Amino acid sequence: MEGHIAGGFHPDAHTQLLTRLFAEVNLSPTWHQSAHIRQLTAGALGIPPTHTPTAEQTGNLWGVSVRNARHSAAQMAKAAVACFDALEHFAAAGRTASVDPLTD
């Protein structure tokens, strides 16, 4: 399934839109699951599931600015990629953390 995952800050909404756009040109998307960077961040950093960080908080936790990206889908996608990259490096280093997104 490698390469068949749709990811981002709100992948479910985006995959619905992309599915419609693909259908208009007679193509079928091939993703099998979606990855919510906000939820993955919460899990990686020990944030309780009742406090899933917002997109802006997620970016802040990974050192990625999303404040100016909010007006552009392409910029938000780039910010999500940067967050996924930061998560990957964090996990590769075998780090663990526990943070409170409301104060960090």
PDB file of N, CA and C in Angstrom:
ATOM      1  N   MET A   1       0.812  -1.199   0.000  1.00  0.00           N
ATOM      2  CA  MET A   1       0.000   0.000   0.000  1.00  0.00           C
ATOM      3  C   MET A   1       0.856   1.263   0.000  1.00  0.00           C
ATOM      4  N   GLU A   2       2.172   1.103  -0.007  1.00  0.00           N
ATOM      5  CA  GLU A   2       3.029   2.274  -0.001  1.00  0.00           C
ATOM      6  C   GLU A   2       2.691   3.170  -1.188  1.00  0.00           C
ATOM      7  N   GLY A   3       2.604   4.444  -0.926  1.00  0.00           N
ATOM      8  CA  GLY A   3       2.280   5.386  -1.976  1.00  0.00           C
ATOM      9  C   GLY A   3       0.794   5.540  -2.224  1.00  0.00           C
ATOM     10  N   HIS A   4      -0.027   4.846  -1.473  1.00  0.00           N
ATOM     11  CA  HIS A   4      -1.470   4.899  -1.679  1.00  0.00           C
ATOM     12  C   HIS A   4      -2.185   5.458  -0.461  1.00  0.00           C
ATOM     13  N   ILE A   5      -1.592   6.483   0.119  1.00  0.00           N
ATOM     14  CA  ILE A   5      -2.167   7.116   1.304  1.00  0.00           C
ATOM     15  C   ILE A   5      -2.336   8.601   1.020  1.00  0.00           C
ATOM     16  N   ALA A   6      -3.529   9.097   1.232  1.00  0.00           N
ATOM     17  CA  ALA A   6      -3.781  10.533   1.111  1.00  0.00           C
ATOM     18  C   ALA A   6      -3.562  11.143   2.485  1.00  0.00           C
ATOM     19  N   GLY A   7      -2.800  12.207   2.562  1.00  0.00           N
ATOM     20  CA  GLY A   7      -2.506  12.793   3.869  1.00  0.00           C
ATOM     21  C   GLY A   7      -2.667  14.295   3.873  1.00  0.00           C
ATOM     22  N   GLY A   8      -2.777  14.851   5.067  1.00  0.00           N
ATOM     23  CA  GLY A   8      -2.882  16.293   5.205  1.00  0.00           C
ATOM     24  C   GLY A   8      -3.535  16.672   6.514  1.00  0.00           C
ATOM     25  N   PHE A   9      -3.962  17.922   6.593  1.00  0.00           N
ATOM     26  CA  PHE A   9      -4.631  18.412   7.792  1.00  0.00           C
ATOM     27  C   PHE A   9      -6.088  17.956   7.835  1.00  0.00           C
ATOM     28  N   HIS A  10      -6.725  17.838   6.662  1.00  0.00           N
ATOM     29  CA  HIS A  10      -8.128  17.415   6.556  1.00  0.00           C
ATOM     30  C   HIS A  10      -8.274  16.478   5.348  1.00  0.00           C
ATOM     31  N   PRO A  11      -7.605  15.317   5.365  1.00  0.00           N
ATOM     32  CA  PRO A  11      -7.567  14.482   4.164  1.00  0.00           C
ATOM     33  C   PRO A  11      -8.912  13.922   3.726  1.00  0.00           C
ATOM     34  N   ASP A  12      -9.825  13.680   4.631  1.00  0.00           N
ATOM     35  CA  ASP A  12     -11.122  13.129   4.214  1.00  0.00           C
ATOM     36  C   ASP A  12     -11.863  14.094   3.297  1.00  0.00           C
ATOM     37  N   ALA A  13     -11.901  15.356   3.667  1.00  0.00           N
ATOM     38  CA  ALA A  13     -12.568  16.358   2.829  1.00  0.00           C
ATOM     39  C   ALA A  13     -11.846  16.507   1.496  1.00  0.00           C
ATOM     40  N   HIS A  14     -10.529  16.481   1.530  1.00  0.00           N
ATOM     41  CA  HIS A  14      -9.764  16.662   0.301  1.00  0.00           C
ATOM     42  C   HIS A  14      -9.894  15.467  -0.627  1.00  0.00           C
ATOM     43  N   THR A  15      -9.934  14.257  -0.078  1.00  0.00           N
ATOM     44  CA  THR A  15     -10.069  13.089  -0.944  1.00  0.00           C
ATOM     45  C   THR A  15     -11.443  13.041  -1.599  1.00  0.00           C
ATOM     46  N   GLN A  16     -12.465  13.536  -0.933  1.00  0.00           N
ATOM     47  CA  GLN A  16     -13.792  13.607  -1.555  1.00  0.00           C
ATOM     48  C   GLN A  16     -13.755  14.537  -2.765  1.00  0.00           C
ATOM     49  N   LEU A  17     -13.129  15.695  -2.605  1.00  0.00           N
ATOM     50  CA  LEU A  17     -13.009  16.643  -3.714  1.00  0.00           C
ATOM     51  C   LEU A  17     -12.175  16.036  -4.839  1.00  0.00           C
ATOM     52  N   LEU A  18     -11.041  15.454  -4.498  1.00  0.00           N
ATOM     53  CA  LEU A  18     -10.176  14.869  -5.520  1.00  0.00           C
ATOM     54  C   LEU A  18     -10.857  13.720  -6.253  1.00  0.00           C
ATOM     55  N   THR A  19     -11.638  12.922  -5.550  1.00  0.00           N
ATOM     56  CA  THR A  19     -12.365  11.825  -6.190  1.00  0.00           C
ATOM     57  C   THR A  19     -13.311  12.371  -7.255  1.00  0.00           C
ATOM     58  N   ARG A  20     -14.024  13.449  -6.927  1.00  0.00           N
ATOM     59  CA  ARG A  20     -14.928  14.068  -7.914  1.00  0.00           C
ATOM     60  C   ARG A  20     -14.143  14.612  -9.106  1.00  0.00           C
ATOM     61  N   LEU A  21     -13.008  15.261  -8.839  1.00  0.00           N
ATOM     62  CA  LEU A  21     -12.207  15.819  -9.927  1.00  0.00           C
ATOM     63  C   LEU A  21     -11.634  14.714 -10.814  1.00  0.00           C
ATOM     64  N   PHE A  22     -11.156  13.637 -10.211  1.00  0.00           N
ATOM     65  CA  PHE A  22     -10.656  12.505 -10.988  1.00  0.00           C
ATOM     66  C   PHE A  22     -11.770  11.928 -11.858  1.00  0.00           C
ATOM     67  N   ALA A  23     -12.961  11.785 -11.301  1.00  0.00           N
ATOM     68  CA  ALA A  23     -14.087  11.207 -12.038  1.00  0.00           C
ATOM     69  C   ALA A  23     -14.436  12.041 -13.264  1.00  0.00           C
ATOM     70  N   GLU A  24     -14.274  13.357 -13.169  1.00  0.00           N
ATOM     71  CA  GLU A  24     -14.585  14.230 -14.304  1.00  0.00           C
ATOM     72  C   GLU A  24     -13.694  13.958 -15.509  1.00  0.00           C
ATOM     73  N   VAL A  25     -12.523  13.402 -15.273  1.00  0.00           N
ATOM     74  CA  VAL A  25     -11.616  13.078 -16.377  1.00  0.00           C
ATOM     75  C   VAL A  25     -11.428  11.561 -16.513  1.00  0.00           C
ATOM     76  N   ASN A  26     -12.410  10.817 -16.012  1.00  0.00           N
ATOM     77  CA  ASN A  26     -12.443   9.354 -16.119  1.00  0.00           C
ATOM     78  C   ASN A  26     -11.214   8.663 -15.525  1.00  0.00           C
ATOM     79  N   LEU A  27     -10.745   9.153 -14.398  1.00  0.00           N
ATOM     80  CA  LEU A  27      -9.652   8.518 -13.672  1.00  0.00           C
ATOM     81  C   LEU A  27     -10.157   8.087 -12.306  1.00  0.00           C
ATOM     82  N   SER A  28      -9.519   7.079 -11.764  1.00  0.00           N
ATOM     83  CA  SER A  28      -9.886   6.604 -10.429  1.00  0.00           C
ATOM     84  C   SER A  28      -8.692   6.767  -9.499  1.00  0.00           C
ATOM     85  N   PRO A  29      -8.896   7.414  -8.373  1.00  0.00           N
ATOM     86  CA  PRO A  29      -7.791   7.533  -7.415  1.00  0.00           C
ATOM     87  C   PRO A  29      -7.467   6.165  -6.830  1.00  0.00           C
ATOM     88  N   THR A  30      -6.225   5.997  -6.393  1.00  0.00           N
ATOM     89  CA  THR A  30      -5.809   4.687  -5.897  1.00  0.00           C
ATOM     90  C   THR A  30      -5.405   4.691  -4.431  1.00  0.00           C
ATOM     91  N   TRP A  31      -5.777   5.717  -3.674  1.00  0.00           N
ATOM     92  CA  TRP A  31      -5.407   5.684  -2.263  1.00  0.00           C
ATOM     93  C   TRP A  31      -6.329   4.750  -1.510  1.00  0.00           C
ATOM     94  N   HIS A  32      -5.783   4.153  -0.462  1.00  0.00           N
ATOM     95  CA  HIS A  32      -6.520   3.159   0.316  1.00  0.00           C
ATOM     96  C   HIS A  32      -6.869   3.653   1.715  1.00  0.00           C
ATOM     97  N   GLN A  33      -6.167   4.644   2.171  1.00  0.00           N
ATOM     98  CA  GLN A  33      -6.419   5.167   3.509  1.00  0.00           C
ATOM     99  C   GLN A  33      -5.950   6.612   3.560  1.00  0.00           C
ATOM    100  N   SER A  34      -6.339   7.288   4.606  1.00  0.00           N
ATOM    101  CA  SER A  34      -5.902   8.668   4.770  1.00  0.00           C
ATOM    102  C   SER A  34      -5.122   8.803   6.072  1.00  0.00           C
ATOM    103  N   ALA A  35      -4.235   9.778   6.098  1.00  0.00           N
ATOM    104  CA  ALA A  35      -3.408  10.027   7.276  1.00  0.00           C
ATOM    105  C   ALA A  35      -3.629  11.469   7.722  1.00  0.00           C
ATOM    106  N   HIS A  36      -4.172  11.632   8.895  1.00  0.00           N
ATOM    107  CA  HIS A  36      -4.411  12.956   9.466  1.00  0.00           C
ATOM    108  C   HIS A  36      -3.167  13.372  10.240  1.00  0.00           C
ATOM    109  N   ILE A  37      -2.436  14.357   9.744  1.00  0.00           N
ATOM    110  CA  ILE A  37      -1.217  14.780  10.421  1.00  0.00           C
ATOM    111  C   ILE A  37      -1.523  15.296  11.824  1.00  0.00           C
ATOM    112  N   ARG A  38      -2.701  15.873  12.025  1.00  0.00           N
ATOM    113  CA  ARG A  38      -3.051  16.376  13.361  1.00  0.00           C
ATOM    114  C   ARG A  38      -3.164  15.217  14.350  1.00  0.00           C
ATOM    115  N   GLN A  39      -3.813  14.135  13.941  1.00  0.00           N
ATOM    116  CA  GLN A  39      -3.969  12.977  14.825  1.00  0.00           C
ATOM    117  C   GLN A  39      -2.651  12.237  15.012  1.00  0.00           C
ATOM    118  N   LEU A  40      -1.862  12.124  13.953  1.00  0.00           N
ATOM    119  CA  LEU A  40      -0.562  11.472  14.070  1.00  0.00           C
ATOM    120  C   LEU A  40       0.362  12.261  14.991  1.00  0.00           C
ATOM    121  N   THR A  41       0.286  13.581  14.918  1.00  0.00           N
ATOM    122  CA  THR A  41       1.079  14.434  15.802  1.00  0.00           C
ATOM    123  C   THR A  41       0.680  14.199  17.247  1.00  0.00           C
ATOM    124  N   ALA A  42      -0.618  14.159  17.489  1.00  0.00           N
ATOM    125  CA  ALA A  42      -1.096  13.931  18.857  1.00  0.00           C
ATOM    126  C   ALA A  42      -0.550  12.613  19.397  1.00  0.00           C
ATOM    127  N   GLY A  43      -0.626  11.567  18.607  1.00  0.00           N
ATOM    128  CA  GLY A  43      -0.127  10.271  19.049  1.00  0.00           C
ATOM    129  C   GLY A  43       1.373  10.275  19.295  1.00  0.00           C
ATOM    130  N   ALA A  44       2.120  10.886  18.383  1.00  0.00           N
ATOM    131  CA  ALA A  44       3.582  10.901  18.507  1.00  0.00           C
ATOM    132  C   ALA A  44       4.048  11.695  19.717  1.00  0.00           C
ATOM    133  N   LEU A  45       3.320  12.756  20.036  1.00  0.00           N
ATOM    134  CA  LEU A  45       3.753  13.644  21.113  1.00  0.00           C
ATOM    135  C   LEU A  45       3.032  13.389  22.430  1.00  0.00           C
ATOM    136  N   GLY A  46       2.224  12.341  22.482  1.00  0.00           N
ATOM    137  CA  GLY A  46       1.556  11.995  23.735  1.00  0.00           C
ATOM    138  C   GLY A  46       0.441  12.945  24.124  1.00  0.00           C
ATOM    139  N   ILE A  47      -0.165  13.586  23.136  1.00  0.00           N
ATOM    140  CA  ILE A  47      -1.275  14.502  23.394  1.00  0.00           C
ATOM    141  C   ILE A  47      -2.551  13.675  23.507  1.00  0.00           C
ATOM    142  N   PRO A  48      -3.354  13.894  24.538  1.00  0.00           N
ATOM    143  CA  PRO A  48      -4.587  13.114  24.687  1.00  0.00           C
ATOM    144  C   PRO A  48      -5.498  13.264  23.465  1.00  0.00           C
ATOM    145  N   PRO A  49      -6.205  12.200  23.091  1.00  0.00           N
ATOM    146  CA  PRO A  49      -7.078  12.262  21.920  1.00  0.00           C
ATOM    147  C   PRO A  49      -8.189  13.297  22.039  1.00  0.00           C
ATOM    148  N   THR A  50      -8.487  13.725  23.237  1.00  0.00           N
ATOM    149  CA  THR A  50      -9.506  14.759  23.428  1.00  0.00           C
ATOM    150  C   THR A  50      -8.959  16.156  23.173  1.00  0.00           C
ATOM    151  N   HIS A  51      -7.651  16.261  22.907  1.00  0.00           N
ATOM    152  CA  HIS A  51      -7.024  17.565  22.670  1.00  0.00           C
ATOM    153  C   HIS A  51      -6.239  17.577  21.357  1.00  0.00           C
ATOM    154  N   THR A  52      -6.763  16.937  20.322  1.00  0.00           N
ATOM    155  CA  THR A  52      -6.077  16.922  19.033  1.00  0.00           C
ATOM    156  C   THR A  52      -5.768  18.356  18.620  1.00  0.00           C
ATOM    157  N   PRO A  53      -4.513  18.645  18.276  1.00  0.00           N
ATOM    158  CA  PRO A  53      -4.152  20.018  17.937  1.00  0.00           C
ATOM    159  C   PRO A  53      -4.801  20.486  16.638  1.00  0.00           C
ATOM    160  N   THR A  54      -5.015  21.786  16.551  1.00  0.00           N
ATOM    161  CA  THR A  54      -5.508  22.386  15.314  1.00  0.00           C
ATOM    162  C   THR A  54      -4.391  22.341  14.279  1.00  0.00           C
ATOM    163  N   ALA A  55      -4.704  22.731  13.052  1.00  0.00           N
ATOM    164  CA  ALA A  55      -3.673  22.781  12.013  1.00  0.00           C
ATOM    165  C   ALA A  55      -2.558  23.735  12.420  1.00  0.00           C
ATOM    166  N   GLU A  56      -2.913  24.893  12.943  1.00  0.00           N
ATOM    167  CA  GLU A  56      -1.894  25.864  13.346  1.00  0.00           C
ATOM    168  C   GLU A  56      -1.058  25.334  14.511  1.00  0.00           C
ATOM    169  N   GLN A  57      -1.700  24.716  15.493  1.00  0.00           N
ATOM    170  CA  GLN A  57      -0.964  24.138  16.619  1.00  0.00           C
ATOM    171  C   GLN A  57      -0.046  23.016  16.145  1.00  0.00           C
ATOM    172  N   THR A  58      -0.533  22.194  15.213  1.00  0.00           N
ATOM    173  CA  THR A  58       0.289  21.115  14.672  1.00  0.00           C
ATOM    174  C   THR A  58       1.534  21.686  14.017  1.00  0.00           C
ATOM    175  N   GLY A  59       1.342  22.696  13.193  1.00  0.00           N
ATOM    176  CA  GLY A  59       2.491  23.340  12.558  1.00  0.00           C
ATOM    177  C   GLY A  59       3.467  23.887  13.585  1.00  0.00           C
ATOM    178  N   ASN A  60       2.940  24.564  14.595  1.00  0.00           N
ATOM    179  CA  ASN A  60       3.806  25.123  15.641  1.00  0.00           C
ATOM    180  C   ASN A  60       4.594  24.033  16.352  1.00  0.00           C
ATOM    181  N   LEU A  61       3.953  22.909  16.634  1.00  0.00           N
ATOM    182  CA  LEU A  61       4.631  21.813  17.320  1.00  0.00           C
ATOM    183  C   LEU A  61       5.795  21.259  16.502  1.00  0.00           C
ATOM    184  N   TRP A  62       5.692  21.324  15.177  1.00  0.00           N
ATOM    185  CA  TRP A  62       6.758  20.820  14.304  1.00  0.00           C
ATOM    186  C   TRP A  62       7.635  21.941  13.767  1.00  0.00           C
ATOM    187  N   GLY A  63       7.389  23.178  14.190  1.00  0.00           N
ATOM    188  CA  GLY A  63       8.197  24.297  13.708  1.00  0.00           C
ATOM    189  C   GLY A  63       7.862  24.715  12.291  1.00  0.00           C
ATOM    190  N   VAL A  64       6.614  24.492  11.883  1.00  0.00           N
ATOM    191  CA  VAL A  64       6.160  24.812  10.530  1.00  0.00           C
ATOM    192  C   VAL A  64       5.083  25.886  10.627  1.00  0.00           C
ATOM    193  N   SER A  65       5.262  26.987   9.924  1.00  0.00           N
ATOM    194  CA  SER A  65       4.264  28.057   9.962  1.00  0.00           C
ATOM    195  C   SER A  65       3.128  27.756   8.994  1.00  0.00           C
ATOM    196  N   VAL A  66       1.904  27.779   9.501  1.00  0.00           N
ATOM    197  CA  VAL A  66       0.735  27.615   8.634  1.00  0.00           C
ATOM    198  C   VAL A  66      -0.125  28.874   8.631  1.00  0.00           C
ATOM    199  N   ARG A  67       0.233  29.841   9.438  1.00  0.00           N
ATOM    200  CA  ARG A  67      -0.581  31.057   9.556  1.00  0.00           C
ATOM    201  C   ARG A  67      -0.793  31.722   8.193  1.00  0.00           C
ATOM    202  N   ASN A  68       0.267  31.921   7.429  1.00  0.00           N
ATOM    203  CA  ASN A  68       0.145  32.575   6.122  1.00  0.00           C
ATOM    204  C   ASN A  68      -0.321  31.623   5.029  1.00  0.00           C
ATOM    205  N   ALA A  69      -0.295  30.336   5.301  1.00  0.00           N
ATOM    206  CA  ALA A  69      -0.684  29.340   4.301  1.00  0.00           C
ATOM    207  C   ALA A  69      -2.190  29.144   4.233  1.00  0.00           C
ATOM    208  N   ARG A  70      -2.915  29.595   5.221  1.00  0.00           N
ATOM    209  CA  ARG A  70      -4.359  29.323   5.306  1.00  0.00           C
ATOM    210  C   ARG A  70      -5.158  29.808   4.102  1.00  0.00           C
ATOM    211  N   HIS A  71      -4.624  30.742   3.338  1.00  0.00           N
ATOM    212  CA  HIS A  71      -5.368  31.299   2.207  1.00  0.00           C
ATOM    213  C   HIS A  71      -5.070  30.570   0.896  1.00  0.00           C
ATOM    214  N   SER A  72      -4.263  29.520   0.966  1.00  0.00           N
ATOM    215  CA  SER A  72      -3.863  28.816  -0.245  1.00  0.00           C
ATOM    216  C   SER A  72      -3.826  27.312   0.012  1.00  0.00           C
ATOM    217  N   ALA A  73      -4.600  26.575  -0.766  1.00  0.00           N
ATOM    218  CA  ALA A  73      -4.600  25.114  -0.622  1.00  0.00           C
ATOM    219  C   ALA A  73      -3.213  24.549  -0.908  1.00  0.00           C
ATOM    220  N   ALA A  74      -2.524  25.116  -1.898  1.00  0.00           N
ATOM    221  CA  ALA A  74      -1.183  24.632  -2.231  1.00  0.00           C
ATOM    222  C   ALA A  74      -0.215  24.882  -1.079  1.00  0.00           C
ATOM    223  N   GLN A  75      -0.308  26.042  -0.440  1.00  0.00           N
ATOM    224  CA  GLN A  75       0.570  26.343   0.692  1.00  0.00           C
ATOM    225  C   GLN A  75       0.247  25.450   1.893  1.00  0.00           C
ATOM    226  N   MET A  76      -1.032  25.171   2.114  1.00  0.00           N
ATOM    227  CA  MET A  76      -1.404  24.269   3.210  1.00  0.00           C
ATOM    228  C   MET A  76      -0.878  22.861   2.933  1.00  0.00           C
ATOM    229  N   ALA A  77      -0.928  22.438   1.672  1.00  0.00           N
ATOM    230  CA  ALA A  77      -0.391  21.123   1.317  1.00  0.00           C
ATOM    231  C   ALA A  77       1.111  21.077   1.586  1.00  0.00           C
ATOM    232  N   LYS A  78       1.817  22.151   1.242  1.00  0.00           N
ATOM    233  CA  LYS A  78       3.261  22.210   1.510  1.00  0.00           C
ATOM    234  C   LYS A  78       3.533  22.182   3.012  1.00  0.00           C
ATOM    235  N   ALA A  79       2.712  22.880   3.773  1.00  0.00           N
ATOM    236  CA  ALA A  79       2.875  22.878   5.233  1.00  0.00           C
ATOM    237  C   ALA A  79       2.629  21.478   5.790  1.00  0.00           C
ATOM    238  N   ALA A  80       1.621  20.791   5.265  1.00  0.00           N
ATOM    239  CA  ALA A  80       1.340  19.421   5.722  1.00  0.00           C
ATOM    240  C   ALA A  80       2.521  18.504   5.412  1.00  0.00           C
ATOM    241  N   VAL A  81       3.098  18.644   4.222  1.00  0.00           N
ATOM    242  CA  VAL A  81       4.270  17.837   3.857  1.00  0.00           C
ATOM    243  C   VAL A  81       5.412  18.105   4.828  1.00  0.00           C
ATOM    244  N   ALA A  82       5.636  19.371   5.163  1.00  0.00           N
ATOM    245  CA  ALA A  82       6.703  19.716   6.107  1.00  0.00           C
ATOM    246  C   ALA A  82       6.439  19.094   7.480  1.00  0.00           C
ATOM    247  N   CYS A  83       5.178  19.070   7.896  1.00  0.00           N
ATOM    248  CA  CYS A  83       4.830  18.443   9.180  1.00  0.00           C
ATOM    249  C   CYS A  83       5.055  16.936   9.123  1.00  0.00           C
ATOM    250  N   PHE A  84       4.658  16.291   8.014  1.00  0.00           N
ATOM    251  CA  PHE A  84       4.903  14.854   7.865  1.00  0.00           C
ATOM    252  C   PHE A  84       6.401  14.560   7.890  1.00  0.00           C
ATOM    253  N   ASP A  85       7.200  15.409   7.225  1.00  0.00           N
ATOM    254  CA  ASP A  85       8.655  15.225   7.240  1.00  0.00           C
ATOM    255  C   ASP A  85       9.203  15.335   8.659  1.00  0.00           C
ATOM    256  N   ALA A  86       8.735  16.342   9.397  1.00  0.00           N
ATOM    257  CA  ALA A  86       9.196  16.519  10.779  1.00  0.00           C
ATOM    258  C   ALA A  86       8.805  15.314  11.635  1.00  0.00           C
ATOM    259  N   LEU A  87       7.587  14.815  11.446  1.00  0.00           N
ATOM    260  CA  LEU A  87       7.138  13.627  12.179  1.00  0.00           C
ATOM    261  C   LEU A  87       8.012  12.423  11.840  1.00  0.00           C
ATOM    262  N   GLU A  88       8.326  12.261  10.563  1.00  0.00           N
ATOM    263  CA  GLU A  88       9.163  11.137  10.141  1.00  0.00           C
ATOM    264  C   GLU A  88      10.547  11.208  10.790  1.00  0.00           C
ATOM    265  N   HIS A  89      11.151  12.392  10.817  1.00  0.00           N
ATOM    266  CA  HIS A  89      12.473  12.549  11.444  1.00  0.00           C
ATOM    267  C   HIS A  89      12.393  12.312  12.949  1.00  0.00           C
ATOM    268  N   PHE A  90      11.321  12.782  13.555  1.00  0.00           N
ATOM    269  CA  PHE A  90      11.103  12.584  14.987  1.00  0.00           C
ATOM    270  C   PHE A  90      11.028  11.093  15.300  1.00  0.00           C
ATOM    271  N   ALA A  91      10.230  10.376  14.508  1.00  0.00           N
ATOM    272  CA  ALA A  91      10.053   8.938  14.726  1.00  0.00           C
ATOM    273  C   ALA A  91      11.342   8.173  14.427  1.00  0.00           C
ATOM    274  N   ALA A  92      12.059   8.579  13.379  1.00  0.00           N
ATOM    275  CA  ALA A  92      13.296   7.894  13.008  1.00  0.00           C
ATOM    276  C   ALA A  92      14.351   8.022  14.100  1.00  0.00           C
ATOM    277  N   ALA A  93      14.295   9.119  14.835  1.00  0.00           N
ATOM    278  CA  ALA A  93      15.259   9.333  15.914  1.00  0.00           C
ATOM    279  C   ALA A  93      14.857   8.569  17.175  1.00  0.00           C
ATOM    280  N   GLY A  94      13.683   7.930  17.132  1.00  0.00           N
ATOM    281  CA  GLY A  94      13.218   7.157  18.281  1.00  0.00           C
ATOM    282  C   GLY A  94      12.840   8.015  19.467  1.00  0.00           C
ATOM    283  N   ARG A  95      12.467   9.243  19.193  1.00  0.00           N
ATOM    284  CA  ARG A  95      12.114  10.160  20.281  1.00  0.00           C
ATOM    285  C   ARG A  95      10.696   9.919  20.756  1.00  0.00           C
ATOM    286  N   THR A  96      10.456  10.303  21.995  1.00  0.00           N
ATOM    287  CA  THR A  96       9.105  10.331  22.544  1.00  0.00           C
ATOM    288  C   THR A  96       8.964  11.638  23.290  1.00  0.00           C
ATOM    289  N   ALA A  97       7.756  12.115  23.365  1.00  0.00           N
ATOM    290  CA  ALA A  97       7.521  13.379  24.055  1.00  0.00           C
ATOM    291  C   ALA A  97       6.102  13.406  24.569  1.00  0.00           C
ATOM    292  N   SER A  98       5.866  14.275  25.494  1.00  0.00           N
ATOM    293  CA  SER A  98       4.523  14.528  25.985  1.00  0.00           C
ATOM    294  C   SER A  98       4.383  16.031  26.109  1.00  0.00           C
ATOM    295  N   VAL A  99       3.463  16.586  25.330  1.00  0.00           N
ATOM    296  CA  VAL A  99       3.273  18.033  25.332  1.00  0.00           C
ATOM    297  C   VAL A  99       1.803  18.362  25.473  1.00  0.00           C
ATOM    298  N   ASP A 100       1.536  19.575  25.854  1.00  0.00           N
ATOM    299  CA  ASP A 100       0.177  20.101  25.913  1.00  0.00           C
ATOM    300  C   ASP A 100       0.060  21.137  24.806  1.00  0.00           C
ATOM    301  N   PRO A 101      -0.727  20.858  23.737  1.00  0.00           N
ATOM    302  CA  PRO A 101      -0.802  21.791  22.618  1.00  0.00           C
ATOM    303  C   PRO A 101      -1.394  23.136  23.004  1.00  0.00           C
ATOM    304  N   LEU A 102      -2.083  23.187  24.113  1.00  0.00           N
ATOM    305  CA  LEU A 102      -2.678  24.451  24.531  1.00  0.00           C
ATOM    306  C   LEU A 102      -1.649  25.387  25.144  1.00  0.00           C
ATOM    307  N   THR A 103      -0.528  24.830  25.605  1.00  0.00           N
ATOM    308  CA  THR A 103       0.500  25.673  26.207  1.00  0.00           C
ATOM    309  C   THR A 103       1.795  25.662  25.421  1.00  0.00           C
ATOM    310  N   ASP A 104       1.999  24.695  24.549  1.00  0.00           N
ATOM    311  CA  ASP A 104       3.242  24.613  23.772  1.00  0.00           C
ATOM    312  C   ASP A 104       3.068  25.221  22.403  1.00  0.00           C
TER     313      ASP A 104
END
